[in-house]
Amino acid sequence: SRVLPSGDEPIVLVDASLSMSGAPWGA
């Protein structure tokens, strides 16, 4: 009878490669 969390929160995947250095990484 408990309400379980749905697990439908969004997931954000952030690119952490060297091409993201500088301004793209900050944004």
mmCIF file of all heavy atoms, coordinates in Angstrom:
data_MODEL
# 
_entry.id   MODEL 
# 
loop_
_atom_site.group_PDB 
_atom_site.id 
_atom_site.type_symbol 
_atom_site.label_atom_id 
_atom_site.label_alt_id 
_atom_site.label_comp_id 
_atom_site.label_asym_id 
_atom_site.label_entity_id 
_atom_site.label_seq_id 
_atom_site.pdbx_PDB_ins_code 
_atom_site.Cartn_x 
_atom_site.Cartn_y 
_atom_site.Cartn_z 
_atom_site.occupancy 
_atom_site.B_iso_or_equiv 
_atom_site.pdbx_formal_charge 
_atom_site.auth_seq_id 
_atom_site.auth_comp_id 
_atom_site.auth_asym_id 
_atom_site.auth_atom_id 
_atom_site.pdbx_PDB_model_num 
ATOM 1   N N   . SER A 1 1  ? 0.801  -1.212 0.000   1.00 0.00 ? 1  SER A N   1 
ATOM 2   C CA  . SER A 1 1  ? 0.000  0.000  0.000   1.00 0.00 ? 1  SER A CA  1 
ATOM 3   C C   . SER A 1 1  ? 0.841  1.272  0.000   1.00 0.00 ? 1  SER A C   1 
ATOM 4   O O   . SER A 1 1  ? 0.292  2.351  -0.048  1.00 0.00 ? 1  SER A O   1 
ATOM 5   C CB  . SER A 1 1  ? -0.943 0.000  1.214   1.00 0.00 ? 1  SER A CB  1 
ATOM 6   O OG  . SER A 1 1  ? -0.193 0.071  2.404   1.00 0.00 ? 1  SER A OG  1 
ATOM 7   N N   . ARG A 1 2  ? 2.154  1.144  0.021   1.00 0.00 ? 2  ARG A N   1 
ATOM 8   C CA  . ARG A 1 2  ? 3.021  2.329  -0.036  1.00 0.00 ? 2  ARG A CA  1 
ATOM 9   C C   . ARG A 1 2  ? 3.095  2.856  -1.448  1.00 0.00 ? 2  ARG A C   1 
ATOM 10  O O   . ARG A 1 2  ? 3.061  2.098  -2.410  1.00 0.00 ? 2  ARG A O   1 
ATOM 11  C CB  . ARG A 1 2  ? 4.447  1.992  0.416   1.00 0.00 ? 2  ARG A CB  1 
ATOM 12  C CG  . ARG A 1 2  ? 4.580  1.702  1.885   1.00 0.00 ? 2  ARG A CG  1 
ATOM 13  C CD  . ARG A 1 2  ? 6.015  1.477  2.255   1.00 0.00 ? 2  ARG A CD  1 
ATOM 14  N NE  . ARG A 1 2  ? 6.541  0.344  1.482   1.00 0.00 ? 2  ARG A NE  1 
ATOM 15  C CZ  . ARG A 1 2  ? 7.820  0.157  1.219   1.00 0.00 ? 2  ARG A CZ  1 
ATOM 16  N NH1 . ARG A 1 2  ? 8.718  1.000  1.636   1.00 0.00 ? 2  ARG A NH1 1 
ATOM 17  N NH2 . ARG A 1 2  ? 8.215  -0.884 0.526   1.00 0.00 ? 2  ARG A NH2 1 
ATOM 18  N N   . VAL A 1 3  ? 3.235  4.161  -1.569  1.00 0.00 ? 3  VAL A N   1 
ATOM 19  C CA  . VAL A 1 3  ? 3.436  4.769  -2.873  1.00 0.00 ? 3  VAL A CA  1 
ATOM 20  C C   . VAL A 1 3  ? 4.935  4.779  -3.146  1.00 0.00 ? 3  VAL A C   1 
ATOM 21  O O   . VAL A 1 3  ? 5.708  5.381  -2.403  1.00 0.00 ? 3  VAL A O   1 
ATOM 22  C CB  . VAL A 1 3  ? 2.871  6.203  -2.912  1.00 0.00 ? 3  VAL A CB  1 
ATOM 23  C CG1 . VAL A 1 3  ? 3.178  6.848  -4.248  1.00 0.00 ? 3  VAL A CG1 1 
ATOM 24  C CG2 . VAL A 1 3  ? 1.393  6.188  -2.635  1.00 0.00 ? 3  VAL A CG2 1 
ATOM 25  N N   . LEU A 1 4  ? 5.340  4.069  -4.167  1.00 0.00 ? 4  LEU A N   1 
ATOM 26  C CA  . LEU A 1 4  ? 6.753  3.977  -4.514  1.00 0.00 ? 4  LEU A CA  1 
ATOM 27  C C   . LEU A 1 4  ? 7.118  5.077  -5.491  1.00 0.00 ? 4  LEU A C   1 
ATOM 28  O O   . LEU A 1 4  ? 6.296  5.482  -6.318  1.00 0.00 ? 4  LEU A O   1 
ATOM 29  C CB  . LEU A 1 4  ? 7.056  2.610  -5.121  1.00 0.00 ? 4  LEU A CB  1 
ATOM 30  C CG  . LEU A 1 4  ? 6.812  1.416  -4.202  1.00 0.00 ? 4  LEU A CG  1 
ATOM 31  C CD1 . LEU A 1 4  ? 7.013  0.125  -4.974  1.00 0.00 ? 4  LEU A CD1 1 
ATOM 32  C CD2 . LEU A 1 4  ? 7.728  1.458  -2.993  1.00 0.00 ? 4  LEU A CD2 1 
ATOM 33  N N   . PRO A 1 5  ? 8.364  5.580  -5.431  1.00 0.00 ? 5  PRO A N   1 
ATOM 34  C CA  . PRO A 1 5  ? 8.769  6.595  -6.409  1.00 0.00 ? 5  PRO A CA  1 
ATOM 35  C C   . PRO A 1 5  ? 8.725  6.017  -7.814  1.00 0.00 ? 5  PRO A C   1 
ATOM 36  O O   . PRO A 1 5  ? 9.062  4.874  -8.044  1.00 0.00 ? 5  PRO A O   1 
ATOM 37  C CB  . PRO A 1 5  ? 10.194 6.956  -5.993  1.00 0.00 ? 5  PRO A CB  1 
ATOM 38  C CG  . PRO A 1 5  ? 10.649 5.842  -5.116  1.00 0.00 ? 5  PRO A CG  1 
ATOM 39  C CD  . PRO A 1 5  ? 9.433  5.225  -4.503  1.00 0.00 ? 5  PRO A CD  1 
ATOM 40  N N   . SER A 1 6  ? 8.299  6.837  -8.740  1.00 0.00 ? 6  SER A N   1 
ATOM 41  C CA  . SER A 1 6  ? 8.100  6.357  -10.105 1.00 0.00 ? 6  SER A CA  1 
ATOM 42  C C   . SER A 1 6  ? 9.396  6.219  -10.894 1.00 0.00 ? 6  SER A C   1 
ATOM 43  O O   . SER A 1 6  ? 9.455  5.508  -11.867 1.00 0.00 ? 6  SER A O   1 
ATOM 44  C CB  . SER A 1 6  ? 7.153  7.287  -10.843 1.00 0.00 ? 6  SER A CB  1 
ATOM 45  O OG  . SER A 1 6  ? 7.745  8.561  -10.958 1.00 0.00 ? 6  SER A OG  1 
ATOM 46  N N   . GLY A 1 7  ? 10.440 6.923  -10.505 1.00 0.00 ? 7  GLY A N   1 
ATOM 47  C CA  . GLY A 1 7  ? 11.702 6.846  -11.239 1.00 0.00 ? 7  GLY A CA  1 
ATOM 48  C C   . GLY A 1 7  ? 11.642 7.531  -12.583 1.00 0.00 ? 7  GLY A C   1 
ATOM 49  O O   . GLY A 1 7  ? 12.413 7.228  -13.475 1.00 0.00 ? 7  GLY A O   1 
ATOM 50  N N   . ASP A 1 8  ? 10.695 8.440  -12.751 1.00 0.00 ? 8  ASP A N   1 
ATOM 51  C CA  . ASP A 1 8  ? 10.558 9.085  -14.044 1.00 0.00 ? 8  ASP A CA  1 
ATOM 52  C C   . ASP A 1 8  ? 11.184 10.482 -14.070 1.00 0.00 ? 8  ASP A C   1 
ATOM 53  O O   . ASP A 1 8  ? 10.848 11.292 -14.917 1.00 0.00 ? 8  ASP A O   1 
ATOM 54  C CB  . ASP A 1 8  ? 9.106  9.137  -14.491 1.00 0.00 ? 8  ASP A CB  1 
ATOM 55  C CG  . ASP A 1 8  ? 8.231  9.921  -13.521 1.00 0.00 ? 8  ASP A CG  1 
ATOM 56  O OD1 . ASP A 1 8  ? 8.719  10.289 -12.448 1.00 0.00 ? 8  ASP A OD1 1 
ATOM 57  O OD2 . ASP A 1 8  ? 7.065  10.145 -13.849 1.00 0.00 ? 8  ASP A OD2 1 
ATOM 58  N N   . GLU A 1 9  ? 12.086 10.763 -13.135 1.00 0.00 ? 9  GLU A N   1 
ATOM 59  C CA  . GLU A 1 9  ? 12.785 12.040 -13.193 1.00 0.00 ? 9  GLU A CA  1 
ATOM 60  C C   . GLU A 1 9  ? 13.725 12.042 -14.403 1.00 0.00 ? 9  GLU A C   1 
ATOM 61  O O   . GLU A 1 9  ? 14.238 11.000 -14.797 1.00 0.00 ? 9  GLU A O   1 
ATOM 62  C CB  . GLU A 1 9  ? 13.549 12.333 -11.898 1.00 0.00 ? 9  GLU A CB  1 
ATOM 63  C CG  . GLU A 1 9  ? 14.653 11.354 -11.579 1.00 0.00 ? 9  GLU A CG  1 
ATOM 64  C CD  . GLU A 1 9  ? 14.214 10.183 -10.716 1.00 0.00 ? 9  GLU A CD  1 
ATOM 65  O OE1 . GLU A 1 9  ? 13.128 10.210 -10.156 1.00 0.00 ? 9  GLU A OE1 1 
ATOM 66  O OE2 . GLU A 1 9  ? 14.984 9.220  -10.639 1.00 0.00 ? 9  GLU A OE2 1 
ATOM 67  N N   . PRO A 1 10 ? 13.907 13.187 -15.002 1.00 0.00 ? 10 PRO A N   1 
ATOM 68  C CA  . PRO A 1 10 ? 14.770 13.235 -16.194 1.00 0.00 ? 10 PRO A CA  1 
ATOM 69  C C   . PRO A 1 10 ? 16.217 12.903 -15.847 1.00 0.00 ? 10 PRO A C   1 
ATOM 70  O O   . PRO A 1 10 ? 16.652 13.100 -14.714 1.00 0.00 ? 10 PRO A O   1 
ATOM 71  C CB  . PRO A 1 10 ? 14.638 14.677 -16.674 1.00 0.00 ? 10 PRO A CB  1 
ATOM 72  C CG  . PRO A 1 10 ? 13.941 15.425 -15.614 1.00 0.00 ? 10 PRO A CG  1 
ATOM 73  C CD  . PRO A 1 10 ? 13.343 14.461 -14.649 1.00 0.00 ? 10 PRO A CD  1 
ATOM 74  N N   . ILE A 1 11 ? 16.928 12.416 -16.821 1.00 0.00 ? 11 ILE A N   1 
ATOM 75  C CA  . ILE A 1 11 ? 18.362 12.163 -16.661 1.00 0.00 ? 11 ILE A CA  1 
ATOM 76  C C   . ILE A 1 11 ? 19.096 13.025 -17.668 1.00 0.00 ? 11 ILE A C   1 
ATOM 77  O O   . ILE A 1 11 ? 18.728 13.091 -18.832 1.00 0.00 ? 11 ILE A O   1 
ATOM 78  C CB  . ILE A 1 11 ? 18.710 10.673 -16.815 1.00 0.00 ? 11 ILE A CB  1 
ATOM 79  C CG1 . ILE A 1 11 ? 20.197 10.457 -16.592 1.00 0.00 ? 11 ILE A CG1 1 
ATOM 80  C CG2 . ILE A 1 11 ? 18.291 10.129 -18.143 1.00 0.00 ? 11 ILE A CG2 1 
ATOM 81  C CD1 . ILE A 1 11 ? 20.571 9.034  -16.323 1.00 0.00 ? 11 ILE A CD1 1 
ATOM 82  N N   . VAL A 1 12 ? 20.122 13.719 -17.196 1.00 0.00 ? 12 VAL A N   1 
ATOM 83  C CA  . VAL A 1 12 ? 20.910 14.615 -18.034 1.00 0.00 ? 12 VAL A CA  1 
ATOM 84  C C   . VAL A 1 12 ? 22.287 13.991 -18.215 1.00 0.00 ? 12 VAL A C   1 
ATOM 85  O O   . VAL A 1 12 ? 22.959 13.662 -17.231 1.00 0.00 ? 12 VAL A O   1 
ATOM 86  C CB  . VAL A 1 12 ? 21.033 16.016 -17.387 1.00 0.00 ? 12 VAL A CB  1 
ATOM 87  C CG1 . VAL A 1 12 ? 21.867 16.932 -18.263 1.00 0.00 ? 12 VAL A CG1 1 
ATOM 88  C CG2 . VAL A 1 12 ? 19.667 16.614 -17.139 1.00 0.00 ? 12 VAL A CG2 1 
ATOM 89  N N   . LEU A 1 13 ? 22.711 13.821 -19.457 1.00 0.00 ? 13 LEU A N   1 
ATOM 90  C CA  . LEU A 1 13 ? 24.025 13.274 -19.792 1.00 0.00 ? 13 LEU A CA  1 
ATOM 91  C C   . LEU A 1 13 ? 24.898 14.419 -20.290 1.00 0.00 ? 13 LEU A C   1 
ATOM 92  O O   . LEU A 1 13 ? 24.596 15.017 -21.308 1.00 0.00 ? 13 LEU A O   1 
ATOM 93  C CB  . LEU A 1 13 ? 23.890 12.190 -20.857 1.00 0.00 ? 13 LEU A CB  1 
ATOM 94  C CG  . LEU A 1 13 ? 22.935 11.044 -20.533 1.00 0.00 ? 13 LEU A CG  1 
ATOM 95  C CD1 . LEU A 1 13 ? 22.761 10.138 -21.736 1.00 0.00 ? 13 LEU A CD1 1 
ATOM 96  C CD2 . LEU A 1 13 ? 23.427 10.263 -19.335 1.00 0.00 ? 13 LEU A CD2 1 
ATOM 97  N N   . VAL A 1 14 ? 25.966 14.718 -19.559 1.00 0.00 ? 14 VAL A N   1 
ATOM 98  C CA  . VAL A 1 14 ? 26.836 15.839 -19.891 1.00 0.00 ? 14 VAL A CA  1 
ATOM 99  C C   . VAL A 1 14 ? 28.128 15.305 -20.509 1.00 0.00 ? 14 VAL A C   1 
ATOM 100 O O   . VAL A 1 14 ? 28.805 14.464 -19.920 1.00 0.00 ? 14 VAL A O   1 
ATOM 101 C CB  . VAL A 1 14 ? 27.163 16.690 -18.642 1.00 0.00 ? 14 VAL A CB  1 
ATOM 102 C CG1 . VAL A 1 14 ? 28.036 17.864 -19.011 1.00 0.00 ? 14 VAL A CG1 1 
ATOM 103 C CG2 . VAL A 1 14 ? 25.892 17.165 -17.968 1.00 0.00 ? 14 VAL A CG2 1 
ATOM 104 N N   . ASP A 1 15 ? 28.460 15.792 -21.686 1.00 0.00 ? 15 ASP A N   1 
ATOM 105 C CA  . ASP A 1 15 ? 29.684 15.425 -22.390 1.00 0.00 ? 15 ASP A CA  1 
ATOM 106 C C   . ASP A 1 15 ? 30.882 15.969 -21.616 1.00 0.00 ? 15 ASP A C   1 
ATOM 107 O O   . ASP A 1 15 ? 30.990 17.165 -21.392 1.00 0.00 ? 15 ASP A O   1 
ATOM 108 C CB  . ASP A 1 15 ? 29.647 16.009 -23.801 1.00 0.00 ? 15 ASP A CB  1 
ATOM 109 C CG  . ASP A 1 15 ? 30.774 15.531 -24.690 1.00 0.00 ? 15 ASP A CG  1 
ATOM 110 O OD1 . ASP A 1 15 ? 31.723 14.893 -24.187 1.00 0.00 ? 15 ASP A OD1 1 
ATOM 111 O OD2 . ASP A 1 15 ? 30.710 15.808 -25.898 1.00 0.00 ? 15 ASP A OD2 1 
ATOM 112 N N   . ALA A 1 16 ? 31.792 15.084 -21.205 1.00 0.00 ? 16 ALA A N   1 
ATOM 113 C CA  . ALA A 1 16 ? 32.973 15.493 -20.435 1.00 0.00 ? 16 ALA A CA  1 
ATOM 114 C C   . ALA A 1 16 ? 34.254 15.226 -21.211 1.00 0.00 ? 16 ALA A C   1 
ATOM 115 O O   . ALA A 1 16 ? 35.296 14.913 -20.638 1.00 0.00 ? 16 ALA A O   1 
ATOM 116 C CB  . ALA A 1 16 ? 33.000 14.768 -19.091 1.00 0.00 ? 16 ALA A CB  1 
ATOM 117 N N   . SER A 1 17 ? 34.196 15.389 -22.539 1.00 0.00 ? 17 SER A N   1 
ATOM 118 C CA  . SER A 1 17 ? 35.395 15.192 -23.348 1.00 0.00 ? 17 SER A CA  1 
ATOM 119 C C   . SER A 1 17 ? 36.165 16.506 -23.448 1.00 0.00 ? 17 SER A C   1 
ATOM 120 O O   . SER A 1 17 ? 35.643 17.571 -23.128 1.00 0.00 ? 17 SER A O   1 
ATOM 121 C CB  . SER A 1 17 ? 35.016 14.701 -24.746 1.00 0.00 ? 17 SER A CB  1 
ATOM 122 O OG  . SER A 1 17 ? 34.280 15.698 -25.419 1.00 0.00 ? 17 SER A OG  1 
ATOM 123 N N   . LEU A 1 18 ? 37.399 16.428 -23.908 1.00 0.00 ? 18 LEU A N   1 
ATOM 124 C CA  . LEU A 1 18 ? 38.249 17.616 -23.995 1.00 0.00 ? 18 LEU A CA  1 
ATOM 125 C C   . LEU A 1 18 ? 37.689 18.678 -24.928 1.00 0.00 ? 18 LEU A C   1 
ATOM 126 O O   . LEU A 1 18 ? 37.960 19.862 -24.753 1.00 0.00 ? 18 LEU A O   1 
ATOM 127 C CB  . LEU A 1 18 ? 39.650 17.211 -24.448 1.00 0.00 ? 18 LEU A CB  1 
ATOM 128 C CG  . LEU A 1 18 ? 40.476 16.470 -23.403 1.00 0.00 ? 18 LEU A CG  1 
ATOM 129 C CD1 . LEU A 1 18 ? 41.778 15.965 -24.023 1.00 0.00 ? 18 LEU A CD1 1 
ATOM 130 C CD2 . LEU A 1 18 ? 40.765 17.353 -22.206 1.00 0.00 ? 18 LEU A CD2 1 
ATOM 131 N N   . SER A 1 19 ? 36.874 18.271 -25.899 1.00 0.00 ? 19 SER A N   1 
ATOM 132 C CA  . SER A 1 19 ? 36.310 19.265 -26.821 1.00 0.00 ? 19 SER A CA  1 
ATOM 133 C C   . SER A 1 19 ? 35.317 20.191 -26.119 1.00 0.00 ? 19 SER A C   1 
ATOM 134 O O   . SER A 1 19 ? 34.963 21.231 -26.653 1.00 0.00 ? 19 SER A O   1 
ATOM 135 C CB  . SER A 1 19 ? 35.623 18.571 -27.998 1.00 0.00 ? 19 SER A CB  1 
ATOM 136 O OG  . SER A 1 19 ? 34.497 17.838 -27.556 1.00 0.00 ? 19 SER A OG  1 
ATOM 137 N N   . MET A 1 20 ? 34.886 19.835 -24.926 1.00 0.00 ? 20 MET A N   1 
ATOM 138 C CA  . MET A 1 20 ? 33.939 20.663 -24.164 1.00 0.00 ? 20 MET A CA  1 
ATOM 139 C C   . MET A 1 20 ? 34.661 21.676 -23.269 1.00 0.00 ? 20 MET A C   1 
ATOM 140 O O   . MET A 1 20 ? 33.997 22.446 -22.566 1.00 0.00 ? 20 MET A O   1 
ATOM 141 C CB  . MET A 1 20 ? 33.049 19.778 -23.296 1.00 0.00 ? 20 MET A CB  1 
ATOM 142 C CG  . MET A 1 20 ? 32.033 18.980 -24.056 1.00 0.00 ? 20 MET A CG  1 
ATOM 143 S SD  . MET A 1 20 ? 30.686 19.977 -24.682 1.00 0.00 ? 20 MET A SD  1 
ATOM 144 C CE  . MET A 1 20 ? 29.813 20.375 -23.187 1.00 0.00 ? 20 MET A CE  1 
ATOM 145 N N   . SER A 1 21 ? 35.972 21.708 -23.281 1.00 0.00 ? 21 SER A N   1 
ATOM 146 C CA  . SER A 1 21 ? 36.724 22.628 -22.416 1.00 0.00 ? 21 SER A CA  1 
ATOM 147 C C   . SER A 1 21 ? 36.367 24.074 -22.717 1.00 0.00 ? 21 SER A C   1 
ATOM 148 O O   . SER A 1 21 ? 36.056 24.438 -23.843 1.00 0.00 ? 21 SER A O   1 
ATOM 149 C CB  . SER A 1 21 ? 38.228 22.431 -22.613 1.00 0.00 ? 21 SER A CB  1 
ATOM 150 O OG  . SER A 1 21 ? 38.600 21.147 -22.198 1.00 0.00 ? 21 SER A OG  1 
ATOM 151 N N   . GLY A 1 22 ? 36.418 24.902 -21.692 1.00 0.00 ? 22 GLY A N   1 
ATOM 152 C CA  . GLY A 1 22 ? 36.185 26.336 -21.862 1.00 0.00 ? 22 GLY A CA  1 
ATOM 153 C C   . GLY A 1 22 ? 34.721 26.704 -21.803 1.00 0.00 ? 22 GLY A C   1 
ATOM 154 O O   . GLY A 1 22 ? 33.971 26.245 -20.949 1.00 0.00 ? 22 GLY A O   1 
ATOM 155 N N   . ALA A 1 23 ? 34.288 27.546 -22.725 1.00 0.00 ? 23 ALA A N   1 
ATOM 156 C CA  . ALA A 1 23 ? 32.922 28.085 -22.734 1.00 0.00 ? 23 ALA A CA  1 
ATOM 157 C C   . ALA A 1 23 ? 31.845 27.000 -22.839 1.00 0.00 ? 23 ALA A C   1 
ATOM 158 O O   . ALA A 1 23 ? 30.835 27.083 -22.137 1.00 0.00 ? 23 ALA A O   1 
ATOM 159 C CB  . ALA A 1 23 ? 32.772 29.100 -23.857 1.00 0.00 ? 23 ALA A CB  1 
ATOM 160 N N   . PRO A 1 24 ? 31.998 25.969 -23.683 1.00 0.00 ? 24 PRO A N   1 
ATOM 161 C CA  . PRO A 1 24 ? 30.951 24.952 -23.742 1.00 0.00 ? 24 PRO A CA  1 
ATOM 162 C C   . PRO A 1 24 ? 30.751 24.241 -22.398 1.00 0.00 ? 24 PRO A C   1 
ATOM 163 O O   . PRO A 1 24 ? 29.638 23.927 -22.015 1.00 0.00 ? 24 PRO A O   1 
ATOM 164 C CB  . PRO A 1 24 ? 31.430 23.966 -24.814 1.00 0.00 ? 24 PRO A CB  1 
ATOM 165 C CG  . PRO A 1 24 ? 32.375 24.740 -25.652 1.00 0.00 ? 24 PRO A CG  1 
ATOM 166 C CD  . PRO A 1 24 ? 33.015 25.736 -24.722 1.00 0.00 ? 24 PRO A CD  1 
ATOM 167 N N   . TRP A 1 25 ? 31.843 23.991 -21.683 1.00 0.00 ? 25 TRP A N   1 
ATOM 168 C CA  . TRP A 1 25 ? 31.740 23.311 -20.387 1.00 0.00 ? 25 TRP A CA  1 
ATOM 169 C C   . TRP A 1 25 ? 30.989 24.201 -19.387 1.00 0.00 ? 25 TRP A C   1 
ATOM 170 O O   . TRP A 1 25 ? 30.144 23.728 -18.638 1.00 0.00 ? 25 TRP A O   1 
ATOM 171 C CB  . TRP A 1 25 ? 33.107 22.938 -19.857 1.00 0.00 ? 25 TRP A CB  1 
ATOM 172 C CG  . TRP A 1 25 ? 33.036 22.248 -18.532 1.00 0.00 ? 25 TRP A CG  1 
ATOM 173 C CD1 . TRP A 1 25 ? 33.447 22.728 -17.331 1.00 0.00 ? 25 TRP A CD1 1 
ATOM 174 C CD2 . TRP A 1 25 ? 32.521 20.940 -18.268 1.00 0.00 ? 25 TRP A CD2 1 
ATOM 175 N NE1 . TRP A 1 25 ? 33.205 21.808 -16.338 1.00 0.00 ? 25 TRP A NE1 1 
ATOM 176 C CE2 . TRP A 1 25 ? 32.637 20.701 -16.889 1.00 0.00 ? 25 TRP A CE2 1 
ATOM 177 C CE3 . TRP A 1 25 ? 31.946 19.953 -19.060 1.00 0.00 ? 25 TRP A CE3 1 
ATOM 178 C CZ2 . TRP A 1 25 ? 32.230 19.517 -16.278 1.00 0.00 ? 25 TRP A CZ2 1 
ATOM 179 C CZ3 . TRP A 1 25 ? 31.533 18.768 -18.452 1.00 0.00 ? 25 TRP A CZ3 1 
ATOM 180 C CH2 . TRP A 1 25 ? 31.679 18.562 -17.091 1.00 0.00 ? 25 TRP A CH2 1 
ATOM 181 N N   . GLY A 1 26 ? 31.272 25.484 -19.386 1.00 0.00 ? 26 GLY A N   1 
ATOM 182 C CA  . GLY A 1 26 ? 30.578 26.400 -18.487 1.00 0.00 ? 26 GLY A CA  1 
ATOM 183 C C   . GLY A 1 26 ? 29.086 26.434 -18.761 1.00 0.00 ? 26 GLY A C   1 
ATOM 184 O O   . GLY A 1 26 ? 28.263 26.399 -17.836 1.00 0.00 ? 26 GLY A O   1 
ATOM 185 N N   . ALA A 1 27 ? 28.709 26.476 -20.032 1.00 0.00 ? 27 ALA A N   1 
ATOM 186 C CA  . ALA A 1 27 ? 27.293 26.493 -20.402 1.00 0.00 ? 27 ALA A CA  1 
ATOM 187 C C   . ALA A 1 27 ? 26.619 25.175 -20.027 1.00 0.00 ? 27 ALA A C   1 
ATOM 188 O O   . ALA A 1 27 ? 25.499 25.162 -19.510 1.00 0.00 ? 27 ALA A O   1 
ATOM 189 C CB  . ALA A 1 27 ? 27.143 26.762 -21.895 1.00 0.00 ? 27 ALA A CB  1 
# 
